[in-house]
Amino acid sequence: GLVQAGGSLRLSCAASGRTLSSYAMGWFRQAPGKEREFVAALSRSG
């Protein structure tokens, strides 16, 4: 969504089809005119 500088957001990633407990997960982002970049990663164990 839209937030002012200094604010907070919580993104969610809901899975279906398989259980996420078998997956390592990551978040990436892509700004206009830029390549997709890594943000954060989490192991399967957490």
PDB file of all heavy atoms in Angstrom:
ATOM      1  N   GLY A   1       0.812  -1.199   0.000  1.00  0.00           N
ATOM      2  CA  GLY A   1       0.000   0.000   0.000  1.00  0.00           C
ATOM      3  C   GLY A   1       0.842   1.242   0.000  1.00  0.00           C
ATOM      4  O   GLY A   1       2.050   1.193  -0.254  1.00  0.00           O
ATOM      5  N   LEU A   2       0.187   2.357   0.297  1.00  0.00           N
ATOM      6  CA  LEU A   2       0.838   3.663   0.343  1.00  0.00           C
ATOM      7  C   LEU A   2       1.059   4.045   1.801  1.00  0.00           C
ATOM      8  O   LEU A   2       0.125   3.986   2.614  1.00  0.00           O
ATOM      9  CB  LEU A   2      -0.032   4.704  -0.354  1.00  0.00           C
ATOM     10  CG  LEU A   2       0.436   6.158  -0.273  1.00  0.00           C
ATOM     11  CD1 LEU A   2       1.770   6.335  -0.978  1.00  0.00           C
ATOM     12  CD2 LEU A   2      -0.624   7.075  -0.863  1.00  0.00           C
ATOM     13  N   VAL A   3       2.276   4.428   2.126  1.00  0.00           N
ATOM     14  CA  VAL A   3       2.608   4.810   3.497  1.00  0.00           C
ATOM     15  C   VAL A   3       3.577   5.984   3.463  1.00  0.00           C
ATOM     16  O   VAL A   3       4.347   6.132   2.505  1.00  0.00           O
ATOM     17  CB  VAL A   3       3.217   3.603   4.250  1.00  0.00           C
ATOM     18  CG1 VAL A   3       4.527   3.162   3.631  1.00  0.00           C
ATOM     19  CG2 VAL A   3       3.373   3.889   5.725  1.00  0.00           C
ATOM     20  N   GLN A   4       3.527   6.806   4.484  1.00  0.00           N
ATOM     21  CA  GLN A   4       4.462   7.918   4.570  1.00  0.00           C
ATOM     22  C   GLN A   4       5.825   7.444   5.054  1.00  0.00           C
ATOM     23  O   GLN A   4       5.937   6.419   5.744  1.00  0.00           O
ATOM     24  CB  GLN A   4       3.922   8.982   5.516  1.00  0.00           C
ATOM     25  CG  GLN A   4       2.746   9.772   4.961  1.00  0.00           C
ATOM     26  CD  GLN A   4       2.369  10.942   5.852  1.00  0.00           C
ATOM     27  OE1 GLN A   4       2.583  10.912   7.061  1.00  0.00           O
ATOM     28  NE2 GLN A   4       1.790  11.973   5.254  1.00  0.00           N
ATOM     29  N   ALA A   5       6.832   8.196   4.697  1.00  0.00           N
ATOM     30  CA  ALA A   5       8.179   7.882   5.167  1.00  0.00           C
ATOM     31  C   ALA A   5       8.194   7.802   6.689  1.00  0.00           C
ATOM     32  O   ALA A   5       7.578   8.627   7.371  1.00  0.00           O
ATOM     33  CB  ALA A   5       9.169   8.932   4.681  1.00  0.00           C
ATOM     34  N   GLY A   6       8.891   6.796   7.179  1.00  0.00           N
ATOM     35  CA  GLY A   6       8.927   6.547   8.613  1.00  0.00           C
ATOM     36  C   GLY A   6       7.881   5.578   9.100  1.00  0.00           C
ATOM     37  O   GLY A   6       7.937   5.124  10.258  1.00  0.00           O
ATOM     38  N   GLY A   7       6.932   5.260   8.245  1.00  0.00           N
ATOM     39  CA  GLY A   7       5.860   4.352   8.619  1.00  0.00           C
ATOM     40  C   GLY A   7       6.242   2.890   8.476  1.00  0.00           C
ATOM     41  O   GLY A   7       7.393   2.548   8.155  1.00  0.00           O
ATOM     42  N   SER A   8       5.258   2.040   8.706  1.00  0.00           N
ATOM     43  CA  SER A   8       5.477   0.605   8.693  1.00  0.00           C
ATOM     44  C   SER A   8       4.411  -0.103   7.870  1.00  0.00           C
ATOM     45  O   SER A   8       3.285   0.386   7.747  1.00  0.00           O
ATOM     46  CB  SER A   8       5.442   0.037  10.118  1.00  0.00           C
ATOM     47  OG  SER A   8       6.456   0.589  10.928  1.00  0.00           O
ATOM     48  N   LEU A   9       4.777  -1.247   7.336  1.00  0.00           N
ATOM     49  CA  LEU A   9       3.854  -2.155   6.667  1.00  0.00           C
ATOM     50  C   LEU A   9       4.281  -3.575   6.993  1.00  0.00           C
ATOM     51  O   LEU A   9       5.474  -3.840   7.220  1.00  0.00           O
ATOM     52  CB  LEU A   9       3.871  -1.962   5.148  1.00  0.00           C
ATOM     53  CG  LEU A   9       3.167  -0.750   4.544  1.00  0.00           C
ATOM     54  CD1 LEU A   9       3.450  -0.701   3.046  1.00  0.00           C
ATOM     55  CD2 LEU A   9       1.675  -0.804   4.796  1.00  0.00           C
ATOM     56  N   ARG A  10       3.304  -4.473   6.982  1.00  0.00           N
ATOM     57  CA  ARG A  10       3.625  -5.894   7.090  1.00  0.00           C
ATOM     58  C   ARG A  10       3.071  -6.609   5.862  1.00  0.00           C
ATOM     59  O   ARG A  10       1.855  -6.619   5.635  1.00  0.00           O
ATOM     60  CB  ARG A  10       3.052  -6.522   8.357  1.00  0.00           C
ATOM     61  CG  ARG A  10       3.551  -7.953   8.553  1.00  0.00           C
ATOM     62  CD  ARG A  10       3.065  -8.582   9.837  1.00  0.00           C
ATOM     63  NE  ARG A  10       1.700  -9.082   9.738  1.00  0.00           N
ATOM     64  CZ  ARG A  10       1.205 -10.051  10.496  1.00  0.00           C
ATOM     65  NH1 ARG A  10       1.965 -10.627  11.425  1.00  0.00           N
ATOM     66  NH2 ARG A  10      -0.045 -10.432  10.366  1.00  0.00           N
ATOM     67  N   LEU A  11       3.962  -7.179   5.108  1.00  0.00           N
ATOM     68  CA  LEU A  11       3.576  -7.962   3.944  1.00  0.00           C
ATOM     69  C   LEU A  11       3.372  -9.410   4.355  1.00  0.00           C
ATOM     70  O   LEU A  11       4.096  -9.929   5.201  1.00  0.00           O
ATOM     71  CB  LEU A  11       4.639  -7.880   2.859  1.00  0.00           C
ATOM     72  CG  LEU A  11       5.039  -6.483   2.394  1.00  0.00           C
ATOM     73  CD1 LEU A  11       6.044  -6.594   1.243  1.00  0.00           C
ATOM     74  CD2 LEU A  11       3.841  -5.668   1.995  1.00  0.00           C
ATOM     75  N   SER A  12       2.392 -10.029   3.728  1.00  0.00           N
ATOM     76  CA  SER A  12       2.127 -11.449   3.953  1.00  0.00           C
ATOM     77  C   SER A  12       2.270 -12.202   2.641  1.00  0.00           C
ATOM     78  O   SER A  12       1.972 -11.670   1.572  1.00  0.00           O
ATOM     79  CB  SER A  12       0.715 -11.658   4.502  1.00  0.00           C
ATOM     80  OG  SER A  12       0.549 -11.003   5.737  1.00  0.00           O
ATOM     81  N   CYS A  13       2.689 -13.435   2.748  1.00  0.00           N
ATOM     82  CA  CYS A  13       2.808 -14.322   1.593  1.00  0.00           C
ATOM     83  C   CYS A  13       2.129 -15.631   1.991  1.00  0.00           C
ATOM     84  O   CYS A  13       2.689 -16.411   2.765  1.00  0.00           O
ATOM     85  CB  CYS A  13       4.268 -14.532   1.241  1.00  0.00           C
ATOM     86  SG  CYS A  13       4.560 -15.745  -0.063  1.00  0.00           S
ATOM     87  N   ALA A  14       0.932 -15.826   1.478  1.00  0.00           N
ATOM     88  CA  ALA A  14       0.156 -17.014   1.818  1.00  0.00           C
ATOM     89  C   ALA A  14       0.371 -18.093   0.772  1.00  0.00           C
ATOM     90  O   ALA A  14       0.351 -17.823  -0.433  1.00  0.00           O
ATOM     91  CB  ALA A  14      -1.317 -16.659   1.916  1.00  0.00           C
ATOM     92  N   ALA A  15       0.544 -19.303   1.241  1.00  0.00           N
ATOM     93  CA  ALA A  15       0.830 -20.420   0.354  1.00  0.00           C
ATOM     94  C   ALA A  15      -0.346 -21.376   0.275  1.00  0.00           C
ATOM     95  O   ALA A  15      -1.085 -21.559   1.246  1.00  0.00           O
ATOM     96  CB  ALA A  15       2.056 -21.171   0.834  1.00  0.00           C
ATOM     97  N   SER A  16      -0.489 -21.984  -0.881  1.00  0.00           N
ATOM     98  CA  SER A  16      -1.470 -23.048  -1.061  1.00  0.00           C
ATOM     99  C   SER A  16      -0.880 -24.105  -1.969  1.00  0.00           C
ATOM    100  O   SER A  16       0.068 -23.856  -2.702  1.00  0.00           O
ATOM    101  CB  SER A  16      -2.770 -22.496  -1.652  1.00  0.00           C
ATOM    102  OG  SER A  16      -2.541 -21.946  -2.934  1.00  0.00           O
ATOM    103  N   GLY A  17      -1.437 -25.281  -1.899  1.00  0.00           N
ATOM    104  CA  GLY A  17      -0.960 -26.359  -2.753  1.00  0.00           C
ATOM    105  C   GLY A  17       0.057 -27.257  -2.080  1.00  0.00           C
ATOM    106  O   GLY A  17       0.080 -28.459  -2.331  1.00  0.00           O
ATOM    107  N   ARG A  18       0.900 -26.680  -1.290  1.00  0.00           N
ATOM    108  CA  ARG A  18       1.900 -27.445  -0.534  1.00  0.00           C
ATOM    109  C   ARG A  18       2.148 -26.739   0.785  1.00  0.00           C
ATOM    110  O   ARG A  18       1.889 -25.553   0.923  1.00  0.00           O
ATOM    111  CB  ARG A  18       3.216 -27.552  -1.312  1.00  0.00           C
ATOM    112  CG  ARG A  18       3.153 -28.435  -2.551  1.00  0.00           C
ATOM    113  CD  ARG A  18       4.525 -28.560  -3.181  1.00  0.00           C
ATOM    114  NE  ARG A  18       4.503 -29.353  -4.402  1.00  0.00           N
ATOM    115  CZ  ARG A  18       4.699 -30.648  -4.440  1.00  0.00           C
ATOM    116  NH1 ARG A  18       4.903 -31.306  -3.309  1.00  0.00           N
ATOM    117  NH2 ARG A  18       4.679 -31.296  -5.591  1.00  0.00           N
ATOM    118  N   THR A  19       2.730 -27.466   1.727  1.00  0.00           N
ATOM    119  CA  THR A  19       3.045 -26.845   2.997  1.00  0.00           C
ATOM    120  C   THR A  19       4.360 -26.107   2.919  1.00  0.00           C
ATOM    121  O   THR A  19       5.349 -26.617   2.363  1.00  0.00           O
ATOM    122  CB  THR A  19       3.102 -27.894   4.119  1.00  0.00           C
ATOM    123  OG1 THR A  19       3.554 -27.263   5.317  1.00  0.00           O
ATOM    124  CG2 THR A  19       4.054 -29.028   3.763  1.00  0.00           C
ATOM    125  N   LEU A  20       4.397 -24.904   3.454  1.00  0.00           N
ATOM    126  CA  LEU A  20       5.610 -24.097   3.414  1.00  0.00           C
ATOM    127  C   LEU A  20       6.715 -24.635   4.309  1.00  0.00           C
ATOM    128  O   LEU A  20       7.847 -24.170   4.219  1.00  0.00           O
ATOM    129  CB  LEU A  20       5.299 -22.658   3.810  1.00  0.00           C
ATOM    130  CG  LEU A  20       4.776 -21.729   2.727  1.00  0.00           C
ATOM    131  CD1 LEU A  20       4.660 -20.318   3.261  1.00  0.00           C
ATOM    132  CD2 LEU A  20       5.638 -21.777   1.484  1.00  0.00           C
ATOM    133  N   SER A  21       6.412 -25.583   5.152  1.00  0.00           N
ATOM    134  CA  SER A  21       7.433 -26.117   6.046  1.00  0.00           C
ATOM    135  C   SER A  21       8.555 -26.826   5.293  1.00  0.00           C
ATOM    136  O   SER A  21       9.616 -27.068   5.845  1.00  0.00           O
ATOM    137  CB  SER A  21       6.803 -27.078   7.054  1.00  0.00           C
ATOM    138  OG  SER A  21       6.213 -28.172   6.391  1.00  0.00           O
ATOM    139  N   SER A  22       8.335 -27.131   4.019  1.00  0.00           N
ATOM    140  CA  SER A  22       9.359 -27.762   3.187  1.00  0.00           C
ATOM    141  C   SER A  22      10.144 -26.753   2.364  1.00  0.00           C
ATOM    142  O   SER A  22      10.982 -27.142   1.552  1.00  0.00           O
ATOM    143  CB  SER A  22       8.719 -28.777   2.230  1.00  0.00           C
ATOM    144  OG  SER A  22       8.058 -29.797   2.934  1.00  0.00           O
ATOM    145  N   TYR A  23       9.889 -25.474   2.553  1.00  0.00           N
ATOM    146  CA  TYR A  23      10.439 -24.435   1.695  1.00  0.00           C
ATOM    147  C   TYR A  23      11.288 -23.429   2.462  1.00  0.00           C
ATOM    148  O   TYR A  23      10.904 -22.957   3.543  1.00  0.00           O
ATOM    149  CB  TYR A  23       9.315 -23.665   0.998  1.00  0.00           C
ATOM    150  CG  TYR A  23       8.641 -24.437  -0.108  1.00  0.00           C
ATOM    151  CD1 TYR A  23       7.721 -25.428   0.179  1.00  0.00           C
ATOM    152  CD2 TYR A  23       8.938 -24.168  -1.441  1.00  0.00           C
ATOM    153  CE1 TYR A  23       7.109 -26.144  -0.835  1.00  0.00           C
ATOM    154  CE2 TYR A  23       8.329 -24.875  -2.459  1.00  0.00           C
ATOM    155  CZ  TYR A  23       7.415 -25.858  -2.146  1.00  0.00           C
ATOM    156  OH  TYR A  23       6.815 -26.563  -3.157  1.00  0.00           O
ATOM    157  N   ALA A  24      12.426 -23.079   1.864  1.00  0.00           N
ATOM    158  CA  ALA A  24      13.108 -21.851   2.238  1.00  0.00           C
ATOM    159  C   ALA A  24      12.421 -20.719   1.486  1.00  0.00           C
ATOM    160  O   ALA A  24      11.970 -20.912   0.353  1.00  0.00           O
ATOM    161  CB  ALA A  24      14.585 -21.917   1.863  1.00  0.00           C
ATOM    162  N   MET A  25      12.347 -19.548   2.113  1.00  0.00           N
ATOM    163  CA  MET A  25      11.573 -18.456   1.530  1.00  0.00           C
ATOM    164  C   MET A  25      12.418 -17.202   1.386  1.00  0.00           C
ATOM    165  O   MET A  25      13.419 -17.004   2.096  1.00  0.00           O
ATOM    166  CB  MET A  25      10.362 -18.148   2.414  1.00  0.00           C
ATOM    167  CG  MET A  25       9.407 -19.307   2.609  1.00  0.00           C
ATOM    168  SD  MET A  25       8.667 -19.877   1.065  1.00  0.00           S
ATOM    169  CE  MET A  25       7.699 -18.432   0.607  1.00  0.00           C
ATOM    170  N   GLY A  26      11.985 -16.353   0.465  1.00  0.00           N
ATOM    171  CA  GLY A  26      12.677 -15.093   0.268  1.00  0.00           C
ATOM    172  C   GLY A  26      11.712 -14.001  -0.140  1.00  0.00           C
ATOM    173  O   GLY A  26      10.608 -14.276  -0.631  1.00  0.00           O
ATOM    174  N   TRP A  27      12.134 -12.784   0.086  1.00  0.00           N
ATOM    175  CA  TRP A  27      11.437 -11.598  -0.413  1.00  0.00           C
ATOM    176  C   TRP A  27      12.393 -10.840  -1.325  1.00  0.00           C
ATOM    177  O   TRP A  27      13.566 -10.649  -0.980  1.00  0.00           O
ATOM    178  CB  TRP A  27      11.000 -10.687   0.733  1.00  0.00           C
ATOM    179  CG  TRP A  27       9.801 -11.164   1.493  1.00  0.00           C
ATOM    180  CD1 TRP A  27       9.805 -11.886   2.657  1.00  0.00           C
ATOM    181  CD2 TRP A  27       8.429 -10.957   1.152  1.00  0.00           C
ATOM    182  NE1 TRP A  27       8.514 -12.140   3.056  1.00  0.00           N
ATOM    183  CE2 TRP A  27       7.647 -11.581   2.157  1.00  0.00           C
ATOM    184  CE3 TRP A  27       7.766 -10.305   0.111  1.00  0.00           C
ATOM    185  CZ2 TRP A  27       6.255 -11.572   2.143  1.00  0.00           C
ATOM    186  CZ3 TRP A  27       6.387 -10.305   0.095  1.00  0.00           C
ATOM    187  CH2 TRP A  27       5.635 -10.921   1.104  1.00  0.00           C
ATOM    188  N   PHE A  28      11.848 -10.405  -2.444  1.00  0.00           N
ATOM    189  CA  PHE A  28      12.589  -9.616  -3.420  1.00  0.00           C
ATOM    190  C   PHE A  28      11.749  -8.396  -3.765  1.00  0.00           C
ATOM    191  O   PHE A  28      10.548  -8.357  -3.484  1.00  0.00           O
ATOM    192  CB  PHE A  28      12.880 -10.443  -4.675  1.00  0.00           C
ATOM    193  CG  PHE A  28      13.798 -11.608  -4.428  1.00  0.00           C
ATOM    194  CD1 PHE A  28      13.325 -12.789  -3.865  1.00  0.00           C
ATOM    195  CD2 PHE A  28      15.148 -11.520  -4.741  1.00  0.00           C
ATOM    196  CE1 PHE A  28      14.181 -13.860  -3.623  1.00  0.00           C
ATOM    197  CE2 PHE A  28      16.005 -12.581  -4.500  1.00  0.00           C
ATOM    198  CZ  PHE A  28      15.512 -13.746  -3.944  1.00  0.00           C
ATOM    199  N   ARG A  29      12.374  -7.407  -4.388  1.00  0.00           N
ATOM    200  CA  ARG A  29      11.621  -6.223  -4.806  1.00  0.00           C
ATOM    201  C   ARG A  29      12.174  -5.709  -6.122  1.00  0.00           C
ATOM    202  O   ARG A  29      13.336  -5.941  -6.466  1.00  0.00           O
ATOM    203  CB  ARG A  29      11.660  -5.136  -3.739  1.00  0.00           C
ATOM    204  CG  ARG A  29      13.029  -4.547  -3.486  1.00  0.00           C
ATOM    205  CD  ARG A  29      12.983  -3.600  -2.282  1.00  0.00           C
ATOM    206  NE  ARG A  29      14.288  -3.017  -1.994  1.00  0.00           N
ATOM    207  CZ  ARG A  29      14.545  -2.261  -0.925  1.00  0.00           C
ATOM    208  NH1 ARG A  29      13.573  -1.995  -0.053  1.00  0.00           N
ATOM    209  NH2 ARG A  29      15.747  -1.774  -0.747  1.00  0.00           N
ATOM    210  N   GLN A  30      11.310  -5.012  -6.838  1.00  0.00           N
ATOM    211  CA  GLN A  30      11.711  -4.429  -8.113  1.00  0.00           C
ATOM    212  C   GLN A  30      11.101  -3.043  -8.228  1.00  0.00           C
ATOM    213  O   GLN A  30       9.872  -2.890  -8.227  1.00  0.00           O
ATOM    214  CB  GLN A  30      11.270  -5.302  -9.283  1.00  0.00           C
ATOM    215  CG  GLN A  30      11.811  -4.831 -10.619  1.00  0.00           C
ATOM    216  CD  GLN A  30      11.650  -5.871 -11.703  1.00  0.00           C
ATOM    217  OE1 GLN A  30      10.859  -6.807 -11.598  1.00  0.00           O
ATOM    218  NE2 GLN A  30      12.424  -5.724 -12.781  1.00  0.00           N
ATOM    219  N   ALA A  31      11.973  -2.053  -8.295  1.00  0.00           N
ATOM    220  CA  ALA A  31      11.548  -0.672  -8.471  1.00  0.00           C
ATOM    221  C   ALA A  31      11.487  -0.367  -9.964  1.00  0.00           C
ATOM    222  O   ALA A  31      12.143  -1.042 -10.768  1.00  0.00           O
ATOM    223  CB  ALA A  31      12.520   0.267  -7.778  1.00  0.00           C
ATOM    224  N   PRO A  32      10.712   0.649 -10.360  1.00  0.00           N
ATOM    225  CA  PRO A  32      10.605   0.988 -11.778  1.00  0.00           C
ATOM    226  C   PRO A  32      11.970   1.260 -12.401  1.00  0.00           C
ATOM    227  O   PRO A  32      12.781   2.008 -11.853  1.00  0.00           O
ATOM    228  CB  PRO A  32       9.738   2.249 -11.764  1.00  0.00           C
ATOM    229  CG  PRO A  32       8.942   2.152 -10.521  1.00  0.00           C
ATOM    230  CD  PRO A  32       9.843   1.493  -9.519  1.00  0.00           C
ATOM    231  N   GLY A  33      12.223   0.625 -13.526  1.00  0.00           N
ATOM    232  CA  GLY A  33      13.474   0.832 -14.237  1.00  0.00           C
ATOM    233  C   GLY A  33      14.678   0.135 -13.646  1.00  0.00           C
ATOM    234  O   GLY A  33      15.804   0.331 -14.106  1.00  0.00           O
ATOM    235  N   LYS A  34      14.451  -0.676 -12.615  1.00  0.00           N
ATOM    236  CA  LYS A  34      15.569  -1.366 -11.969  1.00  0.00           C
ATOM    237  C   LYS A  34      15.353  -2.870 -12.020  1.00  0.00           C
ATOM    238  O   LYS A  34      14.250  -3.361 -12.228  1.00  0.00           O
ATOM    239  CB  LYS A  34      15.712  -0.902 -10.515  1.00  0.00           C
ATOM    240  CG  LYS A  34      16.089   0.560 -10.367  1.00  0.00           C
ATOM    241  CD  LYS A  34      16.366   0.897  -8.920  1.00  0.00           C
ATOM    242  CE  LYS A  34      16.818   2.348  -8.762  1.00  0.00           C
ATOM    243  NZ  LYS A  34      17.114   2.694  -7.337  1.00  0.00           N
ATOM    244  N   GLU A  35      16.433  -3.589 -11.793  1.00  0.00           N
ATOM    245  CA  GLU A  35      16.353  -5.036 -11.751  1.00  0.00           C
ATOM    246  C   GLU A  35      15.785  -5.496 -10.407  1.00  0.00           C
ATOM    247  O   GLU A  35      15.840  -4.785  -9.410  1.00  0.00           O
ATOM    248  CB  GLU A  35      17.733  -5.645 -11.976  1.00  0.00           C
ATOM    249  CG  GLU A  35      18.296  -5.404 -13.350  1.00  0.00           C
ATOM    250  CD  GLU A  35      19.594  -6.166 -13.578  1.00  0.00           C
ATOM    251  OE1 GLU A  35      20.111  -6.760 -12.624  1.00  0.00           O
ATOM    252  OE2 GLU A  35      20.073  -6.163 -14.724  1.00  0.00           O
ATOM    253  N   ARG A  36      15.262  -6.705 -10.425  1.00  0.00           N
ATOM    254  CA  ARG A  36      14.756  -7.298  -9.188  1.00  0.00           C
ATOM    255  C   ARG A  36      15.929  -7.500  -8.235  1.00  0.00           C
ATOM    256  O   ARG A  36      16.989  -7.999  -8.643  1.00  0.00           O
ATOM    257  CB  ARG A  36      14.067  -8.622  -9.477  1.00  0.00           C
ATOM    258  CG  ARG A  36      13.351  -9.223  -8.289  1.00  0.00           C
ATOM    259  CD  ARG A  36      12.524 -10.425  -8.710  1.00  0.00           C
ATOM    260  NE  ARG A  36      11.476 -10.055  -9.664  1.00  0.00           N
ATOM    261  CZ  ARG A  36      10.506 -10.886 -10.043  1.00  0.00           C
ATOM    262  NH1 ARG A  36      10.445 -12.108  -9.535  1.00  0.00           N
ATOM    263  NH2 ARG A  36       9.606 -10.495 -10.907  1.00  0.00           N
ATOM    264  N   GLU A  37      15.747  -7.127  -6.978  1.00  0.00           N
ATOM    265  CA  GLU A  37      16.829  -7.249  -6.015  1.00  0.00           C
ATOM    266  C   GLU A  37      16.373  -8.025  -4.781  1.00  0.00           C
ATOM    267  O   GLU A  37      15.197  -8.018  -4.405  1.00  0.00           O
ATOM    268  CB  GLU A  37      17.357  -5.869  -5.587  1.00  0.00           C
ATOM    269  CG  GLU A  37      16.381  -5.040  -4.783  1.00  0.00           C
ATOM    270  CD  GLU A  37      17.028  -3.819  -4.144  1.00  0.00           C
ATOM    271  OE1 GLU A  37      18.274  -3.736  -4.103  1.00  0.00           O
ATOM    272  OE2 GLU A  37      16.260  -2.958  -3.669  1.00  0.00           O
ATOM    273  N   PHE A  38      17.330  -8.661  -4.176  1.00  0.00           N
ATOM    274  CA  PHE A  38      17.108  -9.429  -2.957  1.00  0.00           C
ATOM    275  C   PHE A  38      16.814  -8.492  -1.785  1.00  0.00           C
ATOM    276  O   PHE A  38      17.457  -7.443  -1.648  1.00  0.00           O
ATOM    277  CB  PHE A  38      18.347 -10.268  -2.663  1.00  0.00           C
ATOM    278  CG  PHE A  38      18.376 -10.867  -1.288  1.00  0.00           C
ATOM    279  CD1 PHE A  38      17.549 -11.936  -0.979  1.00  0.00           C
ATOM    280  CD2 PHE A  38      19.212 -10.359  -0.317  1.00  0.00           C
ATOM    281  CE1 PHE A  38      17.580 -12.497   0.287  1.00  0.00           C
ATOM    282  CE2 PHE A  38      19.250 -10.904   0.947  1.00  0.00           C
ATOM    283  CZ  PHE A  38      18.427 -11.983   1.246  1.00  0.00           C
ATOM    284  N   VAL A  39      15.862  -8.895  -0.932  1.00  0.00           N
ATOM    285  CA  VAL A  39      15.550  -8.138   0.270  1.00  0.00           C
ATOM    286  C   VAL A  39      15.857  -8.957   1.524  1.00  0.00           C
ATOM    287  O   VAL A  39      16.602  -8.525   2.391  1.00  0.00           O
ATOM    288  CB  VAL A  39      14.073  -7.704   0.282  1.00  0.00           C
ATOM    289  CG1 VAL A  39      13.734  -6.999   1.592  1.00  0.00           C
ATOM    290  CG2 VAL A  39      13.759  -6.815  -0.911  1.00  0.00           C
ATOM    291  N   ALA A  40      15.266 -10.159   1.616  1.00  0.00           N
ATOM    292  CA  ALA A  40      15.428 -10.954   2.829  1.00  0.00           C
ATOM    293  C   ALA A  40      15.198 -12.417   2.502  1.00  0.00           C
ATOM    294  O   ALA A  40      14.448 -12.747   1.582  1.00  0.00           O
ATOM    295  CB  ALA A  40      14.442 -10.511   3.911  1.00  0.00           C
ATOM    296  N   ALA A  41      15.843 -13.288   3.263  1.00  0.00           N
ATOM    297  CA  ALA A  41      15.688 -14.729   3.076  1.00  0.00           C
ATOM    298  C   ALA A  41      15.580 -15.406   4.427  1.00  0.00           C
ATOM    299  O   ALA A  41      16.126 -14.935   5.428  1.00  0.00           O
ATOM    300  CB  ALA A  41      16.859 -15.302   2.286  1.00  0.00           C
ATOM    301  N   LEU A  42      14.890 -16.545   4.421  1.00  0.00           N
ATOM    302  CA  LEU A  42      14.611 -17.284   5.647  1.00  0.00           C
ATOM    303  C   LEU A  42      14.766 -18.763   5.361  1.00  0.00           C
ATOM    304  O   LEU A  42      14.236 -19.274   4.366  1.00  0.00           O
ATOM    305  CB  LEU A  42      13.179 -16.975   6.100  1.00  0.00           C
ATOM    306  CG  LEU A  42      12.651 -17.670   7.342  1.00  0.00           C
ATOM    307  CD1 LEU A  42      13.424 -17.221   8.580  1.00  0.00           C
ATOM    308  CD2 LEU A  42      11.170 -17.363   7.512  1.00  0.00           C
ATOM    309  N   SER A  43      15.485 -19.448   6.221  1.00  0.00           N
ATOM    310  CA  SER A  43      15.673 -20.873   6.031  1.00  0.00           C
ATOM    311  C   SER A  43      14.378 -21.641   6.295  1.00  0.00           C
ATOM    312  O   SER A  43      13.437 -21.123   6.907  1.00  0.00           O
ATOM    313  CB  SER A  43      16.772 -21.381   6.961  1.00  0.00           C
ATOM    314  OG  SER A  43      16.373 -21.200   8.318  1.00  0.00           O
ATOM    315  N   ARG A  44      14.352 -22.867   5.839  1.00  0.00           N
ATOM    316  CA  ARG A  44      13.181 -23.708   6.040  1.00  0.00           C
ATOM    317  C   ARG A  44      12.871 -23.891   7.518  1.00  0.00           C
ATOM    318  O   ARG A  44      11.719 -23.878   7.932  1.00  0.00           O
ATOM    319  CB  ARG A  44      13.399 -25.076   5.381  1.00  0.00           C
ATOM    320  CG  ARG A  44      12.127 -25.913   5.241  1.00  0.00           C
ATOM    321  CD  ARG A  44      12.476 -27.333   4.879  1.00  0.00           C
ATOM    322  NE  ARG A  44      12.940 -28.069   6.051  1.00  0.00           N
ATOM    323  CZ  ARG A  44      13.366 -29.313   6.031  1.00  0.00           C
ATOM    324  NH1 ARG A  44      13.434 -29.969   4.887  1.00  0.00           N
ATOM    325  NH2 ARG A  44      13.746 -29.913   7.126  1.00  0.00           N
ATOM    326  N   SER A  45      13.908 -24.003   8.309  1.00  0.00           N
ATOM    327  CA  SER A  45      13.726 -24.174   9.752  1.00  0.00           C
ATOM    328  C   SER A  45      13.252 -22.892  10.429  1.00  0.00           C
ATOM    329  O   SER A  45      12.733 -22.938  11.542  1.00  0.00           O
ATOM    330  CB  SER A  45      15.043 -24.614  10.394  1.00  0.00           C
ATOM    331  OG  SER A  45      15.989 -23.556  10.361  1.00  0.00           O
ATOM    332  N   GLY A  46      13.472 -21.757   9.769  1.00  0.00           N
ATOM    333  CA  GLY A  46      13.157 -20.472  10.389  1.00  0.00           C
ATOM    334  C   GLY A  46      14.264 -19.957  11.287  1.00  0.00           C
ATOM    335  O   GLY A  46      14.175 -18.850  11.803  1.00  0.00           O
TER     336      GLY A  46
END
